[in-house]
Amino acid sequence: MDRSTLFSIGEFAQAAGISTKALRYYEKKGILKPYWIEQDTGYRYYSLYQLNQLNLIGIFIDLDICLNQFSNYIDHNYSSIDYQKLLQFGKELTQERIQILEDKMRYINYLKEKAEYPFPNNLTHPQPVWLLPCNEIPDKVSVEKALKKILHDISTYGLTLFQSYGLIMICNGNEKRLFYFADISHPSGKTIIHENIFYLPQGEYRSIEQDNWSIEMAPALFQDLFELNYDKVIIERELTYNNKTPLYSLSCLLPPIL
C-alpha cells in the first residue's frame, strides 16, 4: 500500500480539527472507518476524500441528528453524500423541535399563570377534583396528610394530580360539607366518574387572599353571598407555596345570572 497520499490518524485528526479519540469513536460506530489499517502495527490511515465524511458527521452533530442514521445519507461505498436529502431532513427535524419548544413555552406560561392565579375568576368548564371528607379543623399538617392519601387513591384509578389542592366547602341550604381536594386529570382526557369525584361548577367566582387556612370563616368573609339563596361552592388553595410566608386563595361561586 502506497501511504504517501494517506494521513496517519494523528495527521488526519489535526487536519480535521478533531481528536483521535473522536475518530476512534466514529470507527467503532461504523460511520468512518480507516481507509487502511496496517496489519503488523495496527496503525490507521485515512484518505483525503474521507474529509467529506467528516463534514457530514459534523452536520449530523450540528443538527443533533442521531449518528445511527448516517448510512441513510451516504452510499454503500462511502463516496457520495446526499446533502439535499440530509438538509431537508434537518429542516424538518428543526421545525419539529421548534414546535416542541413552543409547546413547552406555552406550558411554562400556563404553569406560571396558575402559580400566580391558581383559581380563575371565571371557570369556563366543570373541573374534576378528588374529594376526601374533612371532619376536623383543617391546618397545614392535616391538608398534607390528606393529600398523601388522595395521591394513593387516585393512582389506583390511573389518575394524576393536576397542579393544586386544598379545601372545598359545599353548601346546600343550611347544610355545609367540608372536604380536602386535589385537582385531577386522566391521561386519556376522558370524563372521569367515581363517587369521590366532584366537578367544580363552571361560572364566576369571587376570590380573596388570606394568610392562613380559613375556609371555615367563609360565611363571614362572603357574608353578602351567604345571605343569598343558592348552592355555594367555596374553594381554598395555597397560593405562594412558601412555608415561611404562606398565602391562600379563597374563592366562592357567585349566584347564577338569571
C-alpha atoms as a PDB file:
ATOM      1  CA  MET A   1       0.000   0.000   0.000  1.00  0.00           C
ATOM      2  CA  ASP A   2       1.333   3.401  -1.017  1.00  0.00           C
ATOM      3  CA  ARG A   3       0.985   5.527   2.099  1.00  0.00           C
ATOM      4  CA  SER A   4       2.332   8.715   0.534  1.00  0.00           C
ATOM      5  CA  THR A   5      -1.153  10.110  -0.085  1.00  0.00           C
ATOM      6  CA  LEU A   6      -2.631   8.883   3.186  1.00  0.00           C
ATOM      7  CA  PHE A   7      -2.861  10.533   6.582  1.00  0.00           C
ATOM      8  CA  SER A   8      -1.966   8.864   9.852  1.00  0.00           C
ATOM      9  CA  ILE A   9      -4.723   9.057  12.433  1.00  0.00           C
ATOM     10  CA  GLY A  10      -2.900  11.912  14.164  1.00  0.00           C
ATOM     11  CA  GLU A  11      -2.396  13.840  10.931  1.00  0.00           C
ATOM     12  CA  PHE A  12      -5.981  13.308   9.865  1.00  0.00           C
ATOM     13  CA  ALA A  13      -7.307  14.412  13.258  1.00  0.00           C
ATOM     14  CA  GLN A  14      -5.158  17.559  13.095  1.00  0.00           C
ATOM     15  CA  ALA A  15      -6.285  18.354   9.547  1.00  0.00           C
ATOM     16  CA  ALA A  16      -9.931  17.888  10.507  1.00  0.00           C
ATOM     17  CA  GLY A  17      -9.642  19.793  13.783  1.00  0.00           C
ATOM     18  CA  ILE A  18     -10.894  16.931  15.935  1.00  0.00           C
ATOM     19  CA  SER A  19      -9.336  14.464  18.365  1.00  0.00           C
ATOM     20  CA  THR A  20      -8.035  10.983  17.627  1.00  0.00           C
ATOM     21  CA  LYS A  21     -10.458   9.811  20.310  1.00  0.00           C
ATOM     22  CA  ALA A  22     -13.347  11.096  18.185  1.00  0.00           C
ATOM     23  CA  LEU A  23     -12.004   9.252  15.126  1.00  0.00           C
ATOM     24  CA  ARG A  24     -11.797   6.007  17.088  1.00  0.00           C
ATOM     25  CA  TYR A  25     -15.375   6.567  18.281  1.00  0.00           C
ATOM     26  CA  TYR A  26     -16.601   7.068  14.702  1.00  0.00           C
ATOM     27  CA  GLU A  27     -14.756   3.909  13.680  1.00  0.00           C
ATOM     28  CA  LYS A  28     -16.399   1.987  16.499  1.00  0.00           C
ATOM     29  CA  LYS A  29     -19.818   3.297  15.401  1.00  0.00           C
ATOM     30  CA  GLY A  30     -19.028   2.116  11.853  1.00  0.00           C
ATOM     31  CA  ILE A  31     -19.573   5.533  10.290  1.00  0.00           C
ATOM     32  CA  LEU A  32     -15.964   6.461   9.484  1.00  0.00           C
ATOM     33  CA  LYS A  33     -13.659   3.505   9.072  1.00  0.00           C
ATOM     34  CA  PRO A  34      -9.938   3.994   8.317  1.00  0.00           C
ATOM     35  CA  TYR A  35      -9.070   3.784   4.645  1.00  0.00           C
ATOM     36  CA  TRP A  36      -6.348   1.273   5.530  1.00  0.00           C
ATOM     37  CA  ILE A  37      -5.116  -0.471   8.675  1.00  0.00           C
ATOM     38  CA  GLU A  38      -1.551  -1.765   8.734  1.00  0.00           C
ATOM     39  CA  GLN A  39      -1.775  -5.381   9.824  1.00  0.00           C
ATOM     40  CA  ASP A  40       1.551  -5.574  11.659  1.00  0.00           C
ATOM     41  CA  THR A  41       1.244  -2.412  13.703  1.00  0.00           C
ATOM     42  CA  GLY A  42      -2.499  -1.677  13.720  1.00  0.00           C
ATOM     43  CA  TYR A  43      -1.738   1.868  12.556  1.00  0.00           C
ATOM     44  CA  ARG A  44      -4.739   3.552  10.983  1.00  0.00           C
ATOM     45  CA  TYR A  45      -4.588   5.677   7.848  1.00  0.00           C
ATOM     46  CA  TYR A  46      -7.175   7.934   6.238  1.00  0.00           C
ATOM     47  CA  SER A  47      -7.552   9.375   2.759  1.00  0.00           C
ATOM     48  CA  LEU A  48      -8.249  12.958   1.803  1.00  0.00           C
ATOM     49  CA  TYR A  49     -11.736  12.237   0.439  1.00  0.00           C
ATOM     50  CA  GLN A  50     -12.791  11.000   3.890  1.00  0.00           C
ATOM     51  CA  LEU A  51     -12.859  14.631   4.990  1.00  0.00           C
ATOM     52  CA  ASN A  52     -16.221  14.748   3.210  1.00  0.00           C
ATOM     53  CA  GLN A  53     -17.488  12.052   5.539  1.00  0.00           C
ATOM     54  CA  LEU A  54     -16.276  14.103   8.498  1.00  0.00           C
ATOM     55  CA  ASN A  55     -18.132  17.125   7.147  1.00  0.00           C
ATOM     56  CA  LEU A  56     -21.293  15.022   7.013  1.00  0.00           C
ATOM     57  CA  ILE A  57     -20.728  13.817  10.565  1.00  0.00           C
ATOM     58  CA  GLY A  58     -20.273  17.461  11.604  1.00  0.00           C
ATOM     59  CA  ILE A  59     -23.624  18.343  10.048  1.00  0.00           C
ATOM     60  CA  PHE A  60     -25.241  15.461  11.961  1.00  0.00           C
ATOM     61  CA  ILE A  61     -23.783  16.781  15.206  1.00  0.00           C
ATOM     62  CA  ASP A  62     -24.769  20.400  14.477  1.00  0.00           C
ATOM     63  CA  LEU A  63     -28.359  19.335  13.738  1.00  0.00           C
ATOM     64  CA  ASP A  64     -28.478  16.896  16.682  1.00  0.00           C
ATOM     65  CA  ILE A  65     -29.263  14.020  14.318  1.00  0.00           C
ATOM     66  CA  CYS A  66     -28.537  10.552  15.663  1.00  0.00           C
ATOM     67  CA  LEU A  67     -25.346   9.198  14.105  1.00  0.00           C
ATOM     68  CA  ASN A  68     -27.028   5.822  13.728  1.00  0.00           C
ATOM     69  CA  GLN A  69     -28.876   7.337  10.730  1.00  0.00           C
ATOM     70  CA  PHE A  70     -25.589   8.169   8.975  1.00  0.00           C
ATOM     71  CA  SER A  71     -25.899   5.373   6.417  1.00  0.00           C
ATOM     72  CA  ASN A  72     -29.200   6.840   5.164  1.00  0.00           C
ATOM     73  CA  TYR A  73     -27.369   9.745   3.542  1.00  0.00           C
ATOM     74  CA  ILE A  74     -24.256   8.171   2.036  1.00  0.00           C
ATOM     75  CA  ASP A  75     -23.857   5.356  -0.485  1.00  0.00           C
ATOM     76  CA  HIS A  76     -22.517   1.919   0.429  1.00  0.00           C
ATOM     77  CA  ASN A  77     -19.041   2.856  -0.796  1.00  0.00           C
ATOM     78  CA  TYR A  78     -18.992   5.939   1.424  1.00  0.00           C
ATOM     79  CA  SER A  79     -18.133   8.006  -1.634  1.00  0.00           C
ATOM     80  CA  SER A  80     -21.276  10.037  -2.345  1.00  0.00           C
ATOM     81  CA  ILE A  81     -23.268  12.124   0.146  1.00  0.00           C
ATOM     82  CA  ASP A  82     -26.890  13.110  -0.454  1.00  0.00           C
ATOM     83  CA  TYR A  83     -26.692  16.614   1.020  1.00  0.00           C
ATOM     84  CA  GLN A  84     -30.136  17.689  -0.235  1.00  0.00           C
ATOM     85  CA  LYS A  85     -31.823  14.757   1.455  1.00  0.00           C
ATOM     86  CA  LEU A  86     -29.867  15.385   4.650  1.00  0.00           C
ATOM     87  CA  LEU A  87     -30.585  19.121   4.767  1.00  0.00           C
ATOM     88  CA  GLN A  88     -34.300  18.550   4.086  1.00  0.00           C
ATOM     89  CA  PHE A  89     -34.415  16.073   6.957  1.00  0.00           C
ATOM     90  CA  GLY A  90     -32.510  18.561   9.140  1.00  0.00           C
ATOM     91  CA  LYS A  91     -35.008  21.279   8.279  1.00  0.00           C
ATOM     92  CA  GLU A  92     -37.990  19.082   9.131  1.00  0.00           C
ATOM     93  CA  LEU A  93     -36.351  17.961  12.369  1.00  0.00           C
ATOM     94  CA  THR A  94     -35.585  21.541  13.377  1.00  0.00           C
ATOM     95  CA  GLN A  95     -39.166  22.652  12.655  1.00  0.00           C
ATOM     96  CA  GLU A  96     -40.440  19.775  14.786  1.00  0.00           C
ATOM     97  CA  ARG A  97     -38.143  20.792  17.645  1.00  0.00           C
ATOM     98  CA  ILE A  98     -39.236  24.419  17.354  1.00  0.00           C
ATOM     99  CA  GLN A  99     -42.851  23.249  17.702  1.00  0.00           C
ATOM    100  CA  ILE A 100     -41.934  21.173  20.770  1.00  0.00           C
ATOM    101  CA  LEU A 101     -40.130  24.144  22.347  1.00  0.00           C
ATOM    102  CA  GLU A 102     -43.074  26.435  21.613  1.00  0.00           C
ATOM    103  CA  ASP A 103     -45.426  23.907  23.233  1.00  0.00           C
ATOM    104  CA  LYS A 104     -43.151  23.760  26.280  1.00  0.00           C
ATOM    105  CA  MET A 105     -43.071  27.559  26.481  1.00  0.00           C
ATOM    106  CA  ARG A 106     -46.864  27.715  26.369  1.00  0.00           C
ATOM    107  CA  TYR A 107     -46.982  25.115  29.148  1.00  0.00           C
ATOM    108  CA  ILE A 108     -44.454  27.092  31.224  1.00  0.00           C
ATOM    109  CA  ASN A 109     -46.549  30.244  30.793  1.00  0.00           C
ATOM    110  CA  TYR A 110     -49.639  28.264  31.769  1.00  0.00           C
ATOM    111  CA  LEU A 111     -47.964  26.971  34.953  1.00  0.00           C
ATOM    112  CA  LYS A 112     -46.682  30.466  35.753  1.00  0.00           C
ATOM    113  CA  GLU A 113     -50.180  31.847  35.425  1.00  0.00           C
ATOM    114  CA  LYS A 114     -51.572  29.016  37.547  1.00  0.00           C
ATOM    115  CA  ALA A 115     -48.961  29.718  40.238  1.00  0.00           C
ATOM    116  CA  GLU A 116     -49.878  33.408  40.285  1.00  0.00           C
ATOM    117  CA  TYR A 117     -53.630  32.849  39.934  1.00  0.00           C
ATOM    118  CA  PRO A 118     -54.349  29.214  40.931  1.00  0.00           C
ATOM    119  CA  PHE A 119     -58.079  29.565  40.513  1.00  0.00           C
ATOM    120  CA  PRO A 120     -59.581  31.697  37.727  1.00  0.00           C
ATOM    121  CA  ASN A 121     -62.387  34.144  38.478  1.00  0.00           C
ATOM    122  CA  ASN A 122     -64.261  32.591  35.577  1.00  0.00           C
ATOM    123  CA  LEU A 123     -64.309  28.793  35.346  1.00  0.00           C
ATOM    124  CA  THR A 124     -65.348  28.099  31.761  1.00  0.00           C
ATOM    125  CA  HIS A 125     -65.988  24.362  32.169  1.00  0.00           C
ATOM    126  CA  PRO A 126     -66.511  21.906  35.043  1.00  0.00           C
ATOM    127  CA  GLN A 127     -63.204  20.827  36.591  1.00  0.00           C
ATOM    128  CA  PRO A 128     -62.794  17.389  38.238  1.00  0.00           C
ATOM    129  CA  VAL A 129     -61.399  17.147  41.760  1.00  0.00           C
ATOM    130  CA  TRP A 130     -60.974  14.188  44.102  1.00  0.00           C
ATOM    131  CA  LEU A 131     -62.673  14.660  47.475  1.00  0.00           C
ATOM    132  CA  LEU A 132     -61.778  13.346  50.908  1.00  0.00           C
ATOM    133  CA  PRO A 133     -64.112  14.204  53.835  1.00  0.00           C
ATOM    134  CA  CYS A 134     -62.683  16.673  56.345  1.00  0.00           C
ATOM    135  CA  ASN A 135     -64.003  16.038  59.868  1.00  0.00           C
ATOM    136  CA  GLU A 136     -61.653  18.359  61.744  1.00  0.00           C
ATOM    137  CA  ILE A 137     -60.492  21.937  61.827  1.00  0.00           C
ATOM    138  CA  PRO A 138     -58.047  21.904  58.891  1.00  0.00           C
ATOM    139  CA  ASP A 139     -54.461  23.096  59.125  1.00  0.00           C
ATOM    140  CA  LYS A 140     -51.282  22.695  57.087  1.00  0.00           C
ATOM    141  CA  VAL A 141     -50.449  19.275  58.554  1.00  0.00           C
ATOM    142  CA  SER A 142     -53.926  17.798  58.051  1.00  0.00           C
ATOM    143  CA  VAL A 143     -54.036  19.101  54.470  1.00  0.00           C
ATOM    144  CA  GLU A 144     -50.679  17.489  53.654  1.00  0.00           C
ATOM    145  CA  LYS A 145     -51.737  14.181  55.225  1.00  0.00           C
ATOM    146  CA  ALA A 146     -54.981  14.246  53.238  1.00  0.00           C
ATOM    147  CA  LEU A 147     -53.093  14.972  50.028  1.00  0.00           C
ATOM    148  CA  LYS A 148     -50.870  11.953  50.644  1.00  0.00           C
ATOM    149  CA  LYS A 149     -53.941   9.710  50.923  1.00  0.00           C
ATOM    150  CA  ILE A 150     -55.542  11.304  47.846  1.00  0.00           C
ATOM    151  CA  LEU A 151     -52.389  10.656  45.814  1.00  0.00           C
ATOM    152  CA  HIS A 152     -52.530   7.000  46.832  1.00  0.00           C
ATOM    153  CA  ASP A 153     -56.246   6.734  45.993  1.00  0.00           C
ATOM    154  CA  ILE A 154     -56.109   8.396  42.567  1.00  0.00           C
ATOM    155  CA  SER A 155     -53.091   6.349  41.458  1.00  0.00           C
ATOM    156  CA  THR A 156     -55.239   3.235  41.895  1.00  0.00           C
ATOM    157  CA  TYR A 157     -57.508   4.518  39.131  1.00  0.00           C
ATOM    158  CA  GLY A 158     -54.756   5.710  36.787  1.00  0.00           C
ATOM    159  CA  LEU A 159     -55.394   9.373  37.613  1.00  0.00           C
ATOM    160  CA  THR A 160     -52.786  12.070  38.200  1.00  0.00           C
ATOM    161  CA  LEU A 161     -52.623  15.130  40.415  1.00  0.00           C
ATOM    162  CA  PHE A 162     -53.078  18.283  38.373  1.00  0.00           C
ATOM    163  CA  GLN A 163     -51.449  21.414  39.721  1.00  0.00           C
ATOM    164  CA  SER A 164     -53.220  22.226  43.003  1.00  0.00           C
ATOM    165  CA  TYR A 165     -55.007  21.027  46.107  1.00  0.00           C
ATOM    166  CA  GLY A 166     -56.731  22.423  49.171  1.00  0.00           C
ATOM    167  CA  LEU A 167     -60.160  22.559  50.788  1.00  0.00           C
ATOM    168  CA  ILE A 168     -63.710  22.729  49.465  1.00  0.00           C
ATOM    169  CA  MET A 169     -66.909  23.674  51.264  1.00  0.00           C
ATOM    170  CA  ILE A 170     -70.153  22.646  49.548  1.00  0.00           C
ATOM    171  CA  CYS A 171     -73.221  24.454  50.871  1.00  0.00           C
ATOM    172  CA  ASN A 172     -76.735  23.246  50.072  1.00  0.00           C
ATOM    173  CA  GLY A 173     -79.291  25.260  52.013  1.00  0.00           C
ATOM    174  CA  ASN A 174     -78.220  25.162  55.661  1.00  0.00           C
ATOM    175  CA  GLU A 175     -76.036  22.084  55.127  1.00  0.00           C
ATOM    176  CA  LYS A 176     -72.283  22.701  54.920  1.00  0.00           C
ATOM    177  CA  ARG A 177     -69.910  19.872  53.990  1.00  0.00           C
ATOM    178  CA  LEU A 178     -66.142  20.252  54.141  1.00  0.00           C
ATOM    179  CA  PHE A 179     -63.654  18.246  52.084  1.00  0.00           C
ATOM    180  CA  TYR A 180     -59.998  18.061  51.253  1.00  0.00           C
ATOM    181  CA  PHE A 181     -59.492  18.010  47.491  1.00  0.00           C
ATOM    182  CA  ALA A 182     -56.921  17.744  44.706  1.00  0.00           C
ATOM    183  CA  ASP A 183     -57.258  18.684  41.044  1.00  0.00           C
ATOM    184  CA  ILE A 184     -57.052  15.541  38.943  1.00  0.00           C
ATOM    185  CA  SER A 185     -56.728  14.555  35.321  1.00  0.00           C
ATOM    186  CA  HIS A 186     -56.817  11.376  33.271  1.00  0.00           C
ATOM    187  CA  PRO A 187     -54.035  10.722  30.708  1.00  0.00           C
ATOM    188  CA  SER A 188     -56.642   9.958  28.061  1.00  0.00           C
ATOM    189  CA  GLY A 189     -58.551  13.156  28.748  1.00  0.00           C
ATOM    190  CA  LYS A 190     -61.807  11.226  29.046  1.00  0.00           C
ATOM    191  CA  THR A 191     -64.582  12.061  31.508  1.00  0.00           C
ATOM    192  CA  ILE A 192     -63.971  10.500  34.917  1.00  0.00           C
ATOM    193  CA  ILE A 193     -66.796   9.078  37.035  1.00  0.00           C
ATOM    194  CA  HIS A 194     -66.297   7.977  40.654  1.00  0.00           C
ATOM    195  CA  GLU A 195     -68.090   8.580  43.954  1.00  0.00           C
ATOM    196  CA  ASN A 196     -65.102  10.563  45.250  1.00  0.00           C
ATOM    197  CA  ILE A 197     -65.004  12.817  42.206  1.00  0.00           C
ATOM    198  CA  PHE A 198     -66.743  16.173  42.239  1.00  0.00           C
ATOM    199  CA  TYR A 199     -66.872  18.571  39.310  1.00  0.00           C
ATOM    200  CA  LEU A 200     -66.357  22.189  40.279  1.00  0.00           C
ATOM    201  CA  PRO A 201     -69.235  24.047  38.634  1.00  0.00           C
ATOM    202  CA  GLN A 202     -68.444  26.473  35.872  1.00  0.00           C
ATOM    203  CA  GLY A 203     -69.301  30.097  36.443  1.00  0.00           C
ATOM    204  CA  GLU A 204     -67.992  33.278  38.037  1.00  0.00           C
ATOM    205  CA  TYR A 205     -66.119  33.175  41.351  1.00  0.00           C
ATOM    206  CA  ARG A 206     -65.130  35.906  43.796  1.00  0.00           C
ATOM    207  CA  SER A 207     -61.647  35.471  45.260  1.00  0.00           C
ATOM    208  CA  ILE A 208     -59.836  36.929  48.259  1.00  0.00           C
ATOM    209  CA  GLU A 209     -56.418  36.254  49.774  1.00  0.00           C
ATOM    210  CA  GLN A 210     -55.785  35.010  53.303  1.00  0.00           C
ATOM    211  CA  ASP A 211     -52.624  34.298  55.297  1.00  0.00           C
ATOM    212  CA  ASN A 212     -53.902  31.009  56.747  1.00  0.00           C
ATOM    213  CA  TRP A 213     -56.298  28.155  56.012  1.00  0.00           C
ATOM    214  CA  SER A 214     -59.598  29.888  56.787  1.00  0.00           C
ATOM    215  CA  ILE A 215     -62.333  28.206  54.789  1.00  0.00           C
ATOM    216  CA  GLU A 216     -64.454  27.752  57.905  1.00  0.00           C
ATOM    217  CA  MET A 217     -64.709  31.565  58.019  1.00  0.00           C
ATOM    218  CA  ALA A 218     -66.242  31.687  54.506  1.00  0.00           C
ATOM    219  CA  PRO A 219     -69.783  32.559  55.731  1.00  0.00           C
ATOM    220  CA  ALA A 220     -68.370  35.697  57.381  1.00  0.00           C
ATOM    221  CA  LEU A 221     -65.857  36.535  54.645  1.00  0.00           C
ATOM    222  CA  PHE A 222     -68.535  36.213  51.947  1.00  0.00           C
ATOM    223  CA  GLN A 223     -71.418  37.393  54.105  1.00  0.00           C
ATOM    224  CA  ASP A 224     -73.335  39.100  51.300  1.00  0.00           C
ATOM    225  CA  LEU A 225     -73.216  35.927  49.172  1.00  0.00           C
ATOM    226  CA  PHE A 226     -74.270  33.671  52.058  1.00  0.00           C
ATOM    227  CA  GLU A 227     -77.322  35.850  52.556  1.00  0.00           C
ATOM    228  CA  LEU A 228     -78.462  34.784  49.055  1.00  0.00           C
ATOM    229  CA  ASN A 229     -80.382  31.572  48.487  1.00  0.00           C
ATOM    230  CA  TYR A 230     -78.324  29.412  46.108  1.00  0.00           C
ATOM    231  CA  ASP A 231     -75.998  26.405  46.316  1.00  0.00           C
ATOM    232  CA  LYS A 232     -72.471  27.605  47.046  1.00  0.00           C
ATOM    233  CA  VAL A 233     -69.036  26.122  46.434  1.00  0.00           C
ATOM    234  CA  ILE A 234     -66.045  27.622  48.230  1.00  0.00           C
ATOM    235  CA  ILE A 235     -62.519  26.624  47.228  1.00  0.00           C
ATOM    236  CA  GLU A 236     -59.342  27.320  49.173  1.00  0.00           C
ATOM    237  CA  ARG A 237     -55.865  26.746  47.706  1.00  0.00           C
ATOM    238  CA  GLU A 238     -52.317  27.552  48.701  1.00  0.00           C
ATOM    239  CA  LEU A 239     -51.188  30.473  46.570  1.00  0.00           C
ATOM    240  CA  THR A 240     -47.467  31.009  47.265  1.00  0.00           C
ATOM    241  CA  TYR A 241     -46.100  27.546  48.215  1.00  0.00           C
ATOM    242  CA  ASN A 242     -43.850  29.304  50.727  1.00  0.00           C
ATOM    243  CA  ASN A 243     -43.528  27.709  54.155  1.00  0.00           C
ATOM    244  CA  LYS A 244     -42.348  30.947  55.800  1.00  0.00           C
ATOM    245  CA  THR A 245     -44.945  33.319  54.371  1.00  0.00           C
ATOM    246  CA  PRO A 246     -47.871  31.248  53.090  1.00  0.00           C
ATOM    247  CA  LEU A 247     -50.693  32.885  51.195  1.00  0.00           C
ATOM    248  CA  TYR A 248     -54.016  31.299  50.372  1.00  0.00           C
ATOM    249  CA  SER A 249     -56.712  31.993  47.804  1.00  0.00           C
ATOM    250  CA  LEU A 250     -60.336  31.652  48.908  1.00  0.00           C
ATOM    251  CA  SER A 251     -62.921  31.616  46.094  1.00  0.00           C
ATOM    252  CA  CYS A 252     -66.728  31.498  46.301  1.00  0.00           C
ATOM    253  CA  LEU A 253     -69.060  30.642  43.440  1.00  0.00           C
ATOM    254  CA  LEU A 254     -71.258  33.580  42.563  1.00  0.00           C
ATOM    255  CA  PRO A 255     -75.018  33.117  42.077  1.00  0.00           C
ATOM    256  CA  PRO A 256     -76.109  32.298  38.526  1.00  0.00           C
ATOM    257  CA  ILE A 257     -77.229  35.191  36.386  1.00  0.00           C
ATOM    258  CA  LEU A 258     -80.917  34.759  35.565  1.00  0.00           C
END
